[in-house]
Amino acid sequence: MRVRLALLLGGLSAFGPLSIDMYLPAFPEIAERLGTGQAQVQLTLTAFMIGLAAGQAVFGPLSDAYGRRAPLLAGLIGYAAASLLCAIAPSVFTLVGLRFAQGVSAAAGVVIARAAVRDLFTGPAMARFLSMLMLVSGLAPILAPVIGAQVLRWSTWSGVFVVLAYFGVALLVAAAVCLRETLPPQRRRPADPRGIMRTYARVATDRTFVAYTTSIGFVSAAMFAYIAGSPFVLQELHGLTPQQYSFVFGANALGLMVFTQLNRLLLRWFSPRALLAAGLVLSALAGGGVLAAALLELPLAYLLPPMFLVVASLGVVNPNATALAMADHGSRAGTASALLGLVQFLIGGLAAPLVGIGDSASAVPMAAVIAAMSGAGLLSFAVLRPTKRRPGRYVLQSRTERFDPVGSQETVRIAPVQPGRRRFPGRSRN
């Protein structure tokens, strides 16, 4: 059951990286064919991320009120339609608007996948499952630019969005057939606007939630700055072809997957909080390395290793910070997931355009944003100092309660943890 669930939820979580990374090799072509510049093309990326953030703020509370399935299927339909419209956009500003709509629709898959995981897991168990989920969704940033580069060999940039539309339809069919409801009616919350705002306020004023969420947001923004700037830095400044760029991008994404699975292994001996701190330190040091390489105008061989570590460190930061941020918000999982995603993609969406400011013939603007965001992630964690706490109240145990999220015959029992009882030997409490 876990493998099938991870495959499906991982596919839903992949909407963001697929929709972002697949068209990166086409940035120069989009600028040429639509008669625009680098900054305007990067706005299409910003629009998608802001839409992804705003959509999560909508779909999260809706999934708490009406269950996970109905909002998810609606979002998948909207995503497929918006992707097809992007393929026929006549101007860059039309493409910006459609990318925003595509991001809003894609948010349903991202936020509901995370909320569904929280319906089933918490504490270190959730961090481990999120690491397994990222093994699936981590294939997206590896394969997406490679697929995009191959599509460009037989089609224009429009063909990339047609492929994304097919992906949306495939997941729509899979979710409709295989994914059963993970939020029983008795655990749903009324769709009252005032109640939704109160819930948002309660989550947003949780200091611990804010500490972990801002850490994810800033480190993710460093990666988004890399995503926005690397097509021009690596292809135009360092002379890589779209195919060569796609392989470099895929290698960095592979590092993200490797670190994600390393994190899953290390959770046997270390707490999520300790691993999160280590990931934030690594991200900050790597960001400084990218900036140093850019300022000194070093060859590409000196720029790629710290850039690799900036991306890979997210494989440690993301699952641990997500599990810790949502640990105490099981009854508000959709709203908490939405707020977490809102902060993550809003900061990323605001950071990405900064890469286009300054000298377009230099890697310094991209490197400066990467260094600033990765450093801010560590600083926010250190300043807010999230309090230590016990793992969440519930953990996945074994079979009993009739609960079948992927339509199998297996069932799951959610059992309360007795005070003072350690269910995860060898791990400290968080």
Protein backbone atom coordinates (compact mmCIF):
# COMPACT_ATOMS: atom_id res chain seq x y z
CA MET A 1 0.00 0.00 0.00
CA ARG A 2 2.76 2.45 0.91
CA VAL A 3 4.51 2.07 -2.46
CA ARG A 4 1.33 2.69 -4.47
CA LEU A 5 0.39 5.60 -2.26
CA ALA A 6 3.89 7.08 -2.63
CA LEU A 7 3.75 6.72 -6.41
CA LEU A 8 0.42 8.51 -6.70
CA LEU A 9 1.09 11.24 -4.14
CA GLY A 10 4.61 11.66 -5.49
CA GLY A 11 3.16 12.25 -8.95
CA LEU A 12 0.83 14.89 -7.53
CA SER A 13 3.73 16.52 -5.68
CA ALA A 14 5.68 16.63 -8.95
CA PHE A 15 3.39 19.25 -10.51
CA GLY A 16 5.62 22.07 -9.31
CA PRO A 17 9.00 20.81 -10.55
CA LEU A 18 7.55 19.43 -13.79
CA SER A 19 5.76 22.65 -14.67
CA ILE A 20 8.84 24.71 -13.81
CA ASP A 21 11.74 22.59 -15.00
CA MET A 22 10.40 21.17 -18.26
CA TYR A 23 10.33 24.50 -20.05
CA LEU A 24 13.61 25.90 -18.67
CA PRO A 25 15.67 24.81 -21.73
CA ALA A 26 13.15 26.75 -23.86
CA PHE A 27 13.73 30.12 -22.12
CA PRO A 28 16.01 31.51 -24.86
CA GLU A 29 13.62 30.27 -27.59
CA ILE A 30 10.57 31.77 -25.85
CA ALA A 31 12.34 35.13 -25.61
CA GLU A 32 13.22 35.00 -29.32
CA ARG A 33 9.86 33.78 -30.68
CA LEU A 34 7.73 36.08 -28.52
CA GLY A 35 10.04 39.03 -29.13
CA THR A 36 10.80 39.75 -25.50
CA GLY A 37 13.69 39.78 -23.03
CA GLN A 38 15.10 37.62 -20.27
CA ALA A 39 13.29 39.44 -17.45
CA GLN A 40 9.89 39.07 -19.12
CA VAL A 41 10.40 35.33 -19.68
CA GLN A 42 11.36 34.94 -16.03
CA LEU A 43 8.03 36.59 -15.13
CA THR A 44 6.28 33.50 -16.50
CA LEU A 45 8.14 31.50 -13.87
CA THR A 46 7.27 34.02 -11.16
CA ALA A 47 3.60 34.01 -12.20
CA PHE A 48 3.45 30.23 -11.91
CA MET A 49 5.01 30.20 -8.45
CA ILE A 50 2.73 32.96 -7.17
CA GLY A 51 -0.26 31.08 -8.61
CA LEU A 52 0.99 27.91 -6.95
CA ALA A 53 1.19 29.76 -3.64
CA ALA A 54 -2.24 31.42 -3.97
CA GLY A 55 -3.89 28.20 -5.11
CA GLN A 56 -2.69 26.34 -2.06
CA ALA A 57 -4.30 28.99 0.15
CA VAL A 58 -7.62 28.12 -1.54
CA PHE A 59 -7.41 24.37 -2.02
CA GLY A 60 -6.02 23.66 1.46
CA PRO A 61 -9.08 24.88 3.43
CA LEU A 62 -11.42 23.45 0.77
CA SER A 63 -9.87 20.02 1.26
CA ASP A 64 -10.36 20.34 5.04
CA ALA A 65 -14.05 21.09 4.43
CA TYR A 66 -15.00 18.80 1.52
CA GLY A 67 -12.40 16.06 1.70
CA ARG A 68 -9.31 15.55 -0.43
CA ARG A 69 -10.77 13.96 -3.58
CA ALA A 70 -13.24 16.54 -4.95
CA PRO A 71 -10.92 19.60 -4.81
CA LEU A 72 -8.07 17.48 -6.18
CA LEU A 73 -10.01 16.32 -9.25
CA ALA A 74 -11.22 19.87 -9.94
CA GLY A 75 -7.65 21.15 -9.80
CA LEU A 76 -6.40 18.45 -12.17
CA ILE A 77 -9.03 19.35 -14.74
CA GLY A 78 -8.07 23.02 -14.51
CA TYR A 79 -4.37 22.18 -14.85
CA ALA A 80 -4.83 20.23 -18.08
CA ALA A 81 -6.93 23.02 -19.61
CA ALA A 82 -4.50 25.78 -18.58
CA SER A 83 -1.53 23.83 -19.99
CA LEU A 84 -3.18 23.57 -23.41
CA LEU A 85 -3.95 27.30 -23.41
CA CYS A 86 -0.30 28.07 -22.53
CA ALA A 87 0.73 26.19 -25.68
CA ILE A 88 -1.15 28.68 -27.90
CA ALA A 89 -0.34 31.89 -26.00
CA PRO A 90 0.27 34.67 -28.58
CA SER A 91 2.38 36.95 -26.36
CA VAL A 92 4.58 36.78 -23.30
CA PHE A 93 2.08 38.67 -21.14
CA THR A 94 -0.72 36.28 -22.13
CA LEU A 95 1.63 33.46 -21.20
CA VAL A 96 2.28 35.12 -17.83
CA GLY A 97 -1.47 35.18 -17.08
CA LEU A 98 -2.00 31.59 -18.19
CA ARG A 99 1.00 30.42 -16.18
CA PHE A 100 -0.61 31.99 -13.11
CA ALA A 101 -3.81 30.03 -13.82
CA GLN A 102 -1.78 26.87 -14.36
CA GLY A 103 -0.06 27.42 -11.01
CA VAL A 104 -3.37 27.90 -9.17
CA SER A 105 -4.66 24.60 -10.60
CA ALA A 106 -1.40 22.73 -9.93
CA ALA A 107 -1.62 23.81 -6.29
CA ALA A 108 -4.41 21.30 -5.71
CA GLY A 109 -2.07 18.36 -6.28
CA VAL A 110 0.77 19.81 -4.21
CA VAL A 111 -1.21 20.87 -1.14
CA ILE A 112 -3.59 17.90 -1.06
CA ALA A 113 -0.78 15.36 -1.44
CA ARG A 114 0.94 16.86 1.60
CA ALA A 115 -2.32 17.01 3.57
CA ALA A 116 -3.09 13.37 2.73
CA VAL A 117 0.30 12.35 4.10
CA ARG A 118 -0.51 14.21 7.34
CA ASP A 119 -3.85 12.35 7.48
CA LEU A 120 -1.88 9.11 7.75
CA PHE A 121 1.43 9.94 9.45
CA THR A 122 3.08 12.26 11.94
CA GLY A 123 6.42 12.79 13.64
CA PRO A 124 9.46 10.84 12.38
CA ALA A 125 7.11 8.46 10.53
CA MET A 126 5.88 11.40 8.47
CA ALA A 127 9.44 12.59 7.79
CA ARG A 128 10.38 9.11 6.55
CA PHE A 129 7.34 8.84 4.29
CA LEU A 130 7.94 12.35 2.91
CA SER A 131 11.48 11.26 2.07
CA MET A 132 10.06 8.26 0.19
CA LEU A 133 7.59 10.61 -1.52
CA MET A 134 10.44 12.84 -2.63
CA LEU A 135 12.13 9.81 -4.17
CA VAL A 136 9.19 9.70 -6.59
CA SER A 137 8.65 13.44 -7.04
CA GLY A 138 12.43 13.89 -7.21
CA LEU A 139 12.43 12.18 -10.59
CA ALA A 140 10.58 15.20 -11.98
CA PRO A 141 13.45 17.71 -11.85
CA ILE A 142 15.79 15.04 -13.26
CA LEU A 143 13.59 14.02 -16.16
CA ALA A 144 11.73 17.30 -16.83
CA PRO A 145 14.57 19.34 -18.41
CA VAL A 146 15.74 16.29 -20.35
CA ILE A 147 12.22 15.73 -21.68
CA GLY A 148 11.89 19.44 -22.40
CA ALA A 149 15.16 19.48 -24.34
CA GLN A 150 14.08 16.45 -26.37
CA VAL A 151 10.69 18.02 -27.12
CA LEU A 152 12.52 21.09 -28.44
CA ARG A 153 14.29 18.88 -30.96
CA TRP A 154 11.06 18.07 -32.78
CA SER A 155 8.78 20.89 -31.70
CA THR A 156 8.75 24.47 -30.42
CA TRP A 157 8.33 25.62 -26.82
CA SER A 158 4.57 25.10 -27.23
CA GLY A 159 5.09 21.35 -27.39
CA VAL A 160 6.36 21.38 -23.80
CA PHE A 161 3.00 22.59 -22.53
CA VAL A 162 1.16 19.98 -24.59
CA VAL A 163 3.21 17.30 -22.82
CA LEU A 164 2.29 18.88 -19.46
CA ALA A 165 -1.39 18.73 -20.42
CA TYR A 166 -1.06 15.00 -21.10
CA PHE A 167 0.59 14.57 -17.70
CA GLY A 168 -2.34 16.34 -16.03
CA VAL A 169 -4.86 14.10 -17.77
CA ALA A 170 -2.93 10.95 -16.80
CA LEU A 171 -2.90 11.95 -13.12
CA LEU A 172 -6.57 12.90 -13.28
CA VAL A 173 -7.45 9.37 -14.42
CA ALA A 174 -5.13 7.77 -11.84
CA ALA A 175 -6.53 9.84 -8.97
CA ALA A 176 -10.14 9.25 -10.00
CA VAL A 177 -9.65 5.49 -10.21
CA CYS A 178 -7.11 4.74 -7.47
CA LEU A 179 -7.15 7.39 -4.76
CA ARG A 180 -9.82 7.03 -2.12
CA GLU A 181 -10.73 9.65 0.45
CA THR A 182 -8.18 10.09 3.25
CA LEU A 183 -10.21 12.55 5.35
CA PRO A 184 -13.32 10.94 6.90
CA PRO A 185 -16.43 13.19 7.19
CA GLN A 186 -16.22 13.31 10.99
CA ARG A 187 -12.80 14.99 10.78
CA ARG A 188 -13.79 17.70 8.31
CA ARG A 189 -14.14 21.38 9.20
CA PRO A 190 -16.96 23.67 8.00
CA ALA A 191 -16.20 25.85 4.97
CA ASP A 192 -16.98 29.03 6.91
CA PRO A 193 -14.88 32.02 5.75
CA ARG A 194 -14.56 33.35 9.30
CA GLY A 195 -13.64 29.92 10.61
CA ILE A 196 -11.06 29.53 7.81
CA MET A 197 -9.48 32.88 8.69
CA ARG A 198 -9.40 31.94 12.38
CA THR A 199 -7.72 28.66 11.51
CA TYR A 200 -5.15 30.47 9.36
CA ALA A 201 -4.52 32.91 12.20
CA ARG A 202 -4.05 30.09 14.70
CA VAL A 203 -1.55 28.29 12.49
CA ALA A 204 0.27 31.49 11.47
CA THR A 205 0.78 32.55 15.10
CA ASP A 206 2.37 29.23 16.08
CA ARG A 207 6.00 30.30 16.53
CA THR A 208 7.31 26.81 15.92
CA PHE A 209 5.31 26.46 12.70
CA VAL A 210 6.60 29.84 11.51
CA ALA A 211 10.22 28.93 12.28
CA TYR A 212 10.15 25.72 10.26
CA THR A 213 8.05 27.22 7.45
CA THR A 214 10.27 30.25 6.88
CA SER A 215 13.31 27.97 6.84
CA ILE A 216 11.76 25.96 4.00
CA GLY A 217 10.68 29.15 2.25
CA PHE A 218 14.11 30.77 2.14
CA VAL A 219 15.99 27.60 1.17
CA SER A 220 13.40 26.91 -1.54
CA ALA A 221 13.83 30.51 -2.76
CA ALA A 222 17.54 29.83 -3.20
CA MET A 223 16.67 26.90 -5.45
CA PHE A 224 14.11 28.98 -7.36
CA ALA A 225 16.78 31.63 -7.96
CA TYR A 226 18.98 28.87 -9.38
CA ILE A 227 16.08 27.67 -11.55
CA ALA A 228 15.37 31.17 -12.87
CA GLY A 229 18.98 32.14 -13.53
CA SER A 230 20.70 28.92 -14.56
CA PRO A 231 19.26 28.67 -18.11
CA PHE A 232 20.87 31.99 -19.05
CA VAL A 233 24.03 31.65 -16.92
CA LEU A 234 24.86 28.13 -18.08
CA GLN A 235 23.68 28.37 -21.70
CA GLU A 236 24.50 31.96 -22.66
CA LEU A 237 27.46 32.76 -20.41
CA HIS A 238 29.11 29.33 -20.30
CA GLY A 239 28.01 28.11 -23.74
CA LEU A 240 26.10 24.93 -22.84
CA THR A 241 23.58 23.60 -25.36
CA PRO A 242 19.98 22.90 -24.23
CA GLN A 243 20.84 19.20 -24.07
CA GLN A 244 24.00 19.81 -22.02
CA TYR A 245 22.11 22.13 -19.72
CA SER A 246 19.41 19.51 -19.19
CA PHE A 247 22.04 16.97 -18.11
CA VAL A 248 23.61 19.41 -15.63
CA PHE A 249 20.19 20.25 -14.26
CA GLY A 250 19.32 16.57 -14.02
CA ALA A 251 22.57 15.83 -12.16
CA ASN A 252 21.70 18.48 -9.57
CA ALA A 253 18.22 17.02 -9.21
CA LEU A 254 19.77 13.58 -8.76
CA GLY A 255 21.74 15.04 -5.86
CA LEU A 256 18.45 16.19 -4.36
CA MET A 257 17.12 12.63 -4.55
CA VAL A 258 20.28 11.13 -3.06
CA PHE A 259 20.22 13.52 -0.11
CA THR A 260 16.52 12.84 0.39
CA GLN A 261 17.15 9.12 0.76
CA LEU A 262 20.24 9.76 2.89
CA ASN A 263 17.99 11.78 5.17
CA ARG A 264 15.56 8.87 5.38
CA LEU A 265 18.42 6.61 6.46
CA LEU A 266 19.81 9.08 9.00
CA LEU A 267 16.41 9.40 10.67
CA ARG A 268 17.16 6.02 12.23
CA TRP A 269 19.79 7.67 14.44
CA PHE A 270 19.11 11.42 14.45
CA SER A 271 16.06 13.56 15.14
CA PRO A 272 14.37 15.53 12.32
CA ARG A 273 15.33 18.76 14.08
CA ALA A 274 19.04 17.90 14.16
CA LEU A 275 19.03 16.90 10.50
CA LEU A 276 17.17 20.08 9.58
CA ALA A 277 19.83 22.21 11.29
CA ALA A 278 22.58 20.35 9.41
CA GLY A 279 20.78 20.85 6.09
CA LEU A 280 20.40 24.58 6.70
CA VAL A 281 24.09 24.97 7.50
CA LEU A 282 25.03 23.07 4.34
CA SER A 283 22.72 25.25 2.23
CA ALA A 284 24.19 28.47 3.63
CA LEU A 285 27.79 27.33 3.04
CA ALA A 286 26.98 26.20 -0.51
CA GLY A 287 25.25 29.50 -1.27
CA GLY A 288 28.39 31.33 -0.17
CA GLY A 289 30.41 29.09 -2.49
CA VAL A 290 28.22 29.96 -5.48
CA LEU A 291 28.63 33.69 -4.77
CA ALA A 292 32.42 33.39 -4.40
CA ALA A 293 32.71 31.54 -7.72
CA ALA A 294 30.62 34.19 -9.47
CA LEU A 295 32.44 37.19 -7.96
CA LEU A 296 35.85 35.74 -8.84
CA GLU A 297 34.61 34.77 -12.34
CA LEU A 298 35.92 31.26 -11.89
CA PRO A 299 35.47 28.59 -14.58
CA LEU A 300 32.32 26.49 -14.72
CA ALA A 301 34.01 23.62 -12.88
CA TYR A 302 34.16 25.80 -9.74
CA LEU A 303 30.57 27.00 -10.01
CA LEU A 304 28.84 23.64 -10.44
CA PRO A 305 29.80 21.88 -7.14
CA PRO A 306 28.37 24.52 -4.74
CA MET A 307 25.35 24.88 -7.02
CA PHE A 308 24.87 21.11 -6.72
CA LEU A 309 24.93 21.34 -2.90
CA VAL A 310 22.43 24.24 -2.84
CA VAL A 311 19.90 22.03 -4.62
CA ALA A 312 20.80 18.81 -2.80
CA SER A 313 20.49 20.35 0.68
CA LEU A 314 16.78 20.85 0.07
CA GLY A 315 16.46 17.06 0.23
CA VAL A 316 17.33 17.26 3.92
CA VAL A 317 15.57 20.53 4.76
CA ASN A 318 12.21 19.92 3.09
CA PRO A 319 10.99 16.60 4.62
CA ASN A 320 12.19 17.37 8.14
CA ALA A 321 10.92 20.94 8.29
CA THR A 322 7.57 19.90 6.78
CA ALA A 323 7.07 17.08 9.29
CA LEU A 324 8.03 19.32 12.21
CA ALA A 325 5.89 22.25 11.04
CA MET A 326 2.74 20.14 10.62
CA ALA A 327 3.21 17.89 13.66
CA ASP A 328 0.70 19.75 15.86
CA HIS A 329 -1.85 20.58 13.16
CA GLY A 330 -3.40 17.23 12.30
CA SER A 331 -6.98 18.54 12.48
CA ARG A 332 -5.97 21.48 10.28
CA ALA A 333 -3.67 19.59 7.91
CA GLY A 334 -5.06 21.14 4.73
CA THR A 335 -4.81 24.69 6.07
CA ALA A 336 -1.35 24.13 7.55
CA SER A 337 -0.17 22.54 4.30
CA ALA A 338 -1.59 25.49 2.37
CA LEU A 339 0.13 28.07 4.55
CA LEU A 340 3.41 26.18 4.35
CA GLY A 341 3.19 26.05 0.56
CA LEU A 342 2.03 29.69 0.37
CA VAL A 343 5.12 30.89 2.22
CA GLN A 344 7.43 28.58 0.29
CA PHE A 345 6.32 29.58 -3.19
CA LEU A 346 5.56 33.21 -2.40
CA ILE A 347 9.11 33.81 -1.18
CA GLY A 348 10.41 31.84 -4.16
CA GLY A 349 8.20 33.77 -6.57
CA LEU A 350 9.43 37.09 -5.21
CA ALA A 351 13.09 36.02 -5.23
CA ALA A 352 13.16 34.70 -8.81
CA PRO A 353 12.71 38.10 -10.58
CA LEU A 354 15.66 39.52 -8.61
CA VAL A 355 17.90 37.27 -10.70
CA GLY A 356 17.02 39.33 -13.79
CA ILE A 357 18.07 42.60 -12.17
CA GLY A 358 21.59 43.83 -12.83
CA ASP A 359 24.19 42.76 -15.35
CA SER A 360 22.72 40.13 -17.70
CA ALA A 361 26.27 39.19 -18.76
CA SER A 362 27.25 38.07 -15.26
CA ALA A 363 26.36 35.22 -12.90
CA VAL A 364 26.61 37.55 -9.87
CA PRO A 365 22.87 38.51 -9.68
CA MET A 366 21.84 34.84 -9.57
CA ALA A 367 24.62 33.95 -7.12
CA ALA A 368 23.84 36.89 -4.83
CA VAL A 369 20.17 35.89 -4.54
CA ILE A 370 21.11 32.26 -3.91
CA ALA A 371 23.56 33.22 -1.16
CA ALA A 372 21.14 35.68 0.46
CA MET A 373 18.21 33.23 0.51
CA SER A 374 20.19 30.23 1.77
CA GLY A 375 21.73 32.38 4.49
CA ALA A 376 18.30 33.74 5.45
CA GLY A 377 17.01 30.19 5.89
CA LEU A 378 19.64 29.42 8.50
CA LEU A 379 19.20 32.83 10.13
CA SER A 380 15.42 32.49 10.47
CA PHE A 381 15.81 29.09 12.12
CA ALA A 382 18.43 30.43 14.54
CA VAL A 383 16.54 33.61 15.44
CA LEU A 384 13.07 32.09 15.87
CA ARG A 385 14.55 29.11 17.75
CA PRO A 386 11.65 26.62 17.48
CA THR A 387 10.92 24.92 20.77
CA LYS A 388 11.62 21.22 21.23
CA ARG A 389 8.57 19.05 21.53
CA ARG A 390 7.45 15.48 21.50
CA PRO A 391 6.55 13.77 18.22
CA GLY A 392 2.95 14.25 17.16
CA ARG A 393 0.19 12.50 19.00
CA TYR A 394 -0.50 9.82 16.41
CA VAL A 395 1.72 7.48 14.42
CA LEU A 396 1.11 4.85 11.80
CA GLN A 397 0.99 1.41 13.45
CA SER A 398 -0.56 -1.57 11.75
CA ARG A 399 -3.83 -2.97 10.48
CA THR A 400 -7.31 -2.39 11.89
CA GLU A 401 -9.22 0.79 11.21
CA ARG A 402 -11.04 0.47 7.88
CA PHE A 403 -9.04 2.94 5.86
CA ASP A 404 -8.05 2.37 2.26
CA PRO A 405 -6.54 5.42 0.52
CA VAL A 406 -5.47 3.63 -2.65
CA GLY A 407 -8.19 1.05 -3.05
CA SER A 408 -6.29 -1.97 -1.77
CA GLN A 409 -7.42 -4.56 0.76
CA GLU A 410 -4.87 -3.37 3.33
CA THR A 411 -6.03 -1.29 6.28
CA VAL A 412 -4.36 1.00 8.74
CA ARG A 413 -4.72 1.61 12.46
CA ILE A 414 -3.95 4.98 13.96
CA ALA A 415 -2.98 4.43 17.58
CA PRO A 416 -2.39 7.05 20.30
CA VAL A 417 1.06 7.33 21.79
CA GLN A 418 1.09 7.00 25.56
CA PRO A 419 2.79 9.89 27.41
CA GLY A 420 6.43 9.14 28.08
CA ARG A 421 6.49 6.14 25.76
CA ARG A 422 9.12 6.27 23.05
CA ARG A 423 7.92 4.63 19.87
CA PHE A 424 11.06 5.38 17.92
CA PRO A 425 14.08 3.91 19.74
CA GLY A 426 17.33 5.81 19.38
CA ARG A 427 15.70 9.12 18.42
CA SER A 428 15.36 12.28 20.42
CA ARG A 429 11.98 13.94 20.79
CA ASN A 430 10.97 17.00 18.84
